[in-house]
Amino acid sequence: MRREFSKKACLYVAIRFEVSKVLLCLLLVGTMLYPGFTVGGCF
């Protein structure tokens, strides 16, 4: 039971990490293509 939980937790962290990596990449590309694209560019 405990092992199953840790496996799920590991998967969850991996998925979260992948998603954040993709978002960061999109943000970086967006910033390069459109300088005013990011929230930071709005201020």
PDB file of N, CA and C in Angstrom:
ATOM      1  N   MET A   1       0.827  -1.205   0.000  1.00  0.00           N
ATOM      2  CA  MET A   1       0.000   0.000   0.000  1.00  0.00           C
ATOM      3  C   MET A   1       0.867   1.264   0.000  1.00  0.00           C
ATOM      4  N   ARG A   2       1.843   1.277   0.899  1.00  0.00           N
ATOM      5  CA  ARG A   2       2.708   2.447   0.992  1.00  0.00           C
ATOM      6  C   ARG A   2       3.533   2.620  -0.284  1.00  0.00           C
ATOM      7  N   ARG A   3       3.974   1.516  -0.809  1.00  0.00           N
ATOM      8  CA  ARG A   3       4.775   1.567  -2.026  1.00  0.00           C
ATOM      9  C   ARG A   3       3.941   2.129  -3.178  1.00  0.00           C
ATOM     10  N   GLU A   4       2.692   1.718  -3.248  1.00  0.00           N
ATOM     11  CA  GLU A   4       1.776   2.194  -4.288  1.00  0.00           C
ATOM     12  C   GLU A   4       1.613   3.711  -4.201  1.00  0.00           C
ATOM     13  N   PHE A   5       1.513   4.204  -2.967  1.00  0.00           N
ATOM     14  CA  PHE A   5       1.348   5.642  -2.748  1.00  0.00           C
ATOM     15  C   PHE A   5       2.567   6.408  -3.236  1.00  0.00           C
ATOM     16  N   SER A   6       3.748   5.910  -2.893  1.00  0.00           N
ATOM     17  CA  SER A   6       4.968   6.607  -3.292  1.00  0.00           C
ATOM     18  C   SER A   6       5.117   6.604  -4.813  1.00  0.00           C
ATOM     19  N   LYS A   7       4.638   5.541  -5.429  1.00  0.00           N
ATOM     20  CA  LYS A   7       4.707   5.474  -6.888  1.00  0.00           C
ATOM     21  C   LYS A   7       3.808   6.548  -7.499  1.00  0.00           C
ATOM     22  N   LYS A   8       2.617   6.689  -6.921  1.00  0.00           N
ATOM     23  CA  LYS A   8       1.674   7.712  -7.394  1.00  0.00           C
ATOM     24  C   LYS A   8       2.237   9.102  -7.157  1.00  0.00           C
ATOM     25  N   ALA A   9       2.831   9.309  -5.995  1.00  0.00           N
ATOM     26  CA  ALA A   9       3.402  10.613  -5.662  1.00  0.00           C
ATOM     27  C   ALA A   9       4.520  10.957  -6.646  1.00  0.00           C
ATOM     28  N   CYS A  10       5.325   9.975  -6.958  1.00  0.00           N
ATOM     29  CA  CYS A  10       6.435  10.161  -7.893  1.00  0.00           C
ATOM     30  C   CYS A  10       5.899  10.569  -9.263  1.00  0.00           C
ATOM     31  N   LEU A  11       4.852   9.872  -9.693  1.00  0.00           N
ATOM     32  CA  LEU A  11       4.241  10.157 -10.984  1.00  0.00           C
ATOM     33  C   LEU A  11       3.665  11.570 -10.996  1.00  0.00           C
ATOM     34  N   TYR A  12       3.005  11.921  -9.896  1.00  0.00           N
ATOM     35  CA  TYR A  12       2.387  13.247  -9.776  1.00  0.00           C
ATOM     36  C   TYR A  12       3.443  14.345  -9.885  1.00  0.00           C
ATOM     37  N   VAL A  13       4.541  14.175  -9.164  1.00  0.00           N
ATOM     38  CA  VAL A  13       5.629  15.159  -9.189  1.00  0.00           C
ATOM     39  C   VAL A  13       6.223  15.247 -10.596  1.00  0.00           C
ATOM     40  N   ALA A  14       6.399  14.098 -11.225  1.00  0.00           N
ATOM     41  CA  ALA A  14       6.968  14.068 -12.573  1.00  0.00           C
ATOM     42  C   ALA A  14       6.066  14.818 -13.554  1.00  0.00           C
ATOM     43  N   ILE A  15       4.752  14.576 -13.446  1.00  0.00           N
ATOM     44  CA  ILE A  15       3.800  15.248 -14.331  1.00  0.00           C
ATOM     45  C   ILE A  15       3.819  16.749 -14.088  1.00  0.00           C
ATOM     46  N   ARG A  16       3.796  17.130 -12.819  1.00  0.00           N
ATOM     47  CA  ARG A  16       3.823  18.559 -12.478  1.00  0.00           C
ATOM     48  C   ARG A  16       5.091  19.210 -13.034  1.00  0.00           C
ATOM     49  N   PHE A  17       6.212  18.506 -12.901  1.00  0.00           N
ATOM     50  CA  PHE A  17       7.482  19.035 -13.367  1.00  0.00           C
ATOM     51  C   PHE A  17       7.464  19.216 -14.883  1.00  0.00           C
ATOM     52  N   GLU A  18       6.938  18.214 -15.576  1.00  0.00           N
ATOM     53  CA  GLU A  18       6.864  18.286 -17.038  1.00  0.00           C
ATOM     54  C   GLU A  18       6.008  19.466 -17.483  1.00  0.00           C
ATOM     55  N   VAL A  19       4.861  19.624 -16.831  1.00  0.00           N
ATOM     56  CA  VAL A  19       3.943  20.711 -17.172  1.00  0.00           C
ATOM     57  C   VAL A  19       4.611  22.063 -16.961  1.00  0.00           C
ATOM     58  N   SER A  20       5.279  22.224 -15.814  1.00  0.00           N
ATOM     59  CA  SER A  20       5.927  23.505 -15.530  1.00  0.00           C
ATOM     60  C   SER A  20       7.066  23.773 -16.519  1.00  0.00           C
ATOM     61  N   LYS A  21       7.750  22.686 -16.929  1.00  0.00           N
ATOM     62  CA  LYS A  21       8.834  22.835 -17.890  1.00  0.00           C
ATOM     63  C   LYS A  21       8.287  23.321 -19.227  1.00  0.00           C
ATOM     64  N   VAL A  22       7.171  22.731 -19.643  1.00  0.00           N
ATOM     65  CA  VAL A  22       6.537  23.116 -20.916  1.00  0.00           C
ATOM     66  C   VAL A  22       6.057  24.564 -20.853  1.00  0.00           C
ATOM     67  N   LEU A  23       5.426  24.928 -19.734  1.00  0.00           N
ATOM     68  CA  LEU A  23       4.939  26.299 -19.580  1.00  0.00           C
ATOM     69  C   LEU A  23       6.083  27.296 -19.625  1.00  0.00           C
ATOM     70  N   LEU A  24       7.181  26.943 -18.956  1.00  0.00           N
ATOM     71  CA  LEU A  24       8.338  27.824 -18.921  1.00  0.00           C
ATOM     72  C   LEU A  24       8.908  27.994 -20.333  1.00  0.00           C
ATOM     73  N   CYS A  25       8.950  26.899 -21.055  1.00  0.00           N
ATOM     74  CA  CYS A  25       9.456  26.935 -22.429  1.00  0.00           C
ATOM     75  C   CYS A  25       8.571  27.815 -23.303  1.00  0.00           C
ATOM     76  N   LEU A  26       7.254  27.657 -23.158  1.00  0.00           N
ATOM     77  CA  LEU A  26       6.316  28.470 -23.927  1.00  0.00           C
ATOM     78  C   LEU A  26       6.481  29.945 -23.606  1.00  0.00           C
ATOM     79  N   LEU A  27       6.653  30.223 -22.324  1.00  0.00           N
ATOM     80  CA  LEU A  27       6.815  31.597 -21.877  1.00  0.00           C
ATOM     81  C   LEU A  27       8.082  32.200 -22.484  1.00  0.00           C
ATOM     82  N   LEU A  28       9.148  31.403 -22.488  1.00  0.00           N
ATOM     83  CA  LEU A  28      10.428  31.859 -23.022  1.00  0.00           C
ATOM     84  C   LEU A  28      10.309  32.151 -24.521  1.00  0.00           C
ATOM     85  N   VAL A  29       9.692  31.221 -25.240  1.00  0.00           N
ATOM     86  CA  VAL A  29       9.503  31.392 -26.683  1.00  0.00           C
ATOM     87  C   VAL A  29       8.599  32.589 -26.959  1.00  0.00           C
ATOM     88  N   GLY A  30       7.523  32.700 -26.162  1.00  0.00           N
ATOM     89  CA  GLY A  30       6.596  33.817 -26.321  1.00  0.00           C
ATOM     90  C   GLY A  30       7.286  35.153 -26.105  1.00  0.00           C
ATOM     91  N   THR A  31       8.167  35.198 -25.112  1.00  0.00           N
ATOM     92  CA  THR A  31       8.894  36.424 -24.815  1.00  0.00           C
ATOM     93  C   THR A  31       9.833  36.801 -25.961  1.00  0.00           C
ATOM     94  N   MET A  32      10.432  35.763 -26.567  1.00  0.00           N
ATOM     95  CA  MET A  32      11.344  36.019 -27.677  1.00  0.00           C
ATOM     96  C   MET A  32      10.592  36.520 -28.907  1.00  0.00           C
ATOM     97  N   LEU A  33       9.429  35.892 -29.177  1.00  0.00           N
ATOM     98  CA  LEU A  33       8.646  36.265 -30.356  1.00  0.00           C
ATOM     99  C   LEU A  33       7.914  37.593 -30.163  1.00  0.00           C
ATOM    100  N   TYR A  34       7.282  37.697 -29.003  1.00  0.00           N
ATOM    101  CA  TYR A  34       6.543  38.933 -28.705  1.00  0.00           C
ATOM    102  C   TYR A  34       7.083  39.537 -27.425  1.00  0.00           C
ATOM    103  N   PRO A  35       7.902  40.588 -27.504  1.00  0.00           N
ATOM    104  CA  PRO A  35       8.513  41.199 -26.315  1.00  0.00           C
ATOM    105  C   PRO A  35       7.508  41.632 -25.253  1.00  0.00           C
ATOM    106  N   GLY A  36       6.300  42.034 -25.663  1.00  0.00           N
ATOM    107  CA  GLY A  36       5.315  42.492 -24.691  1.00  0.00           C
ATOM    108  C   GLY A  36       4.342  41.413 -24.273  1.00  0.00           C
ATOM    109  N   PHE A  37       4.674  40.152 -24.583  1.00  0.00           N
ATOM    110  CA  PHE A  37       3.776  39.022 -24.379  1.00  0.00           C
ATOM    111  C   PHE A  37       3.592  38.645 -22.908  1.00  0.00           C
ATOM    112  N   THR A  38       4.678  38.644 -22.142  1.00  0.00           N
ATOM    113  CA  THR A  38       4.607  38.202 -20.749  1.00  0.00           C
ATOM    114  C   THR A  38       3.966  39.242 -19.852  1.00  0.00           C
ATOM    115  N   VAL A  39       3.580  38.808 -18.663  1.00  0.00           N
ATOM    116  CA  VAL A  39       2.973  39.714 -17.690  1.00  0.00           C
ATOM    117  C   VAL A  39       3.980  40.799 -17.317  1.00  0.00           C
ATOM    118  N   GLY A  40       5.238  40.413 -17.224  1.00  0.00           N
ATOM    119  CA  GLY A  40       6.290  41.368 -16.875  1.00  0.00           C
ATOM    120  C   GLY A  40       6.416  42.450 -17.928  1.00  0.00           C
ATOM    121  N   GLY A  41       6.109  42.108 -19.181  1.00  0.00           N
ATOM    122  CA  GLY A  41       6.197  43.077 -20.262  1.00  0.00           C
ATOM    123  C   GLY A  41       5.061  44.091 -20.233  1.00  0.00           C
ATOM    124  N   CYS A  42       3.996  43.760 -19.485  1.00  0.00           N
ATOM    125  CA  CYS A  42       2.836  44.653 -19.423  1.00  0.00           C
ATOM    126  C   CYS A  42       3.072  45.830 -18.480  1.00  0.00           C
ATOM    127  N   PHE A  43       3.942  45.635 -17.488  1.00  0.00           N
ATOM    128  CA  PHE A  43       4.145  46.689 -16.491  1.00  0.00           C
ATOM    129  C   PHE A  43       5.171  47.722 -16.935  1.00  0.00           C
TER     130      PHE A  43
END
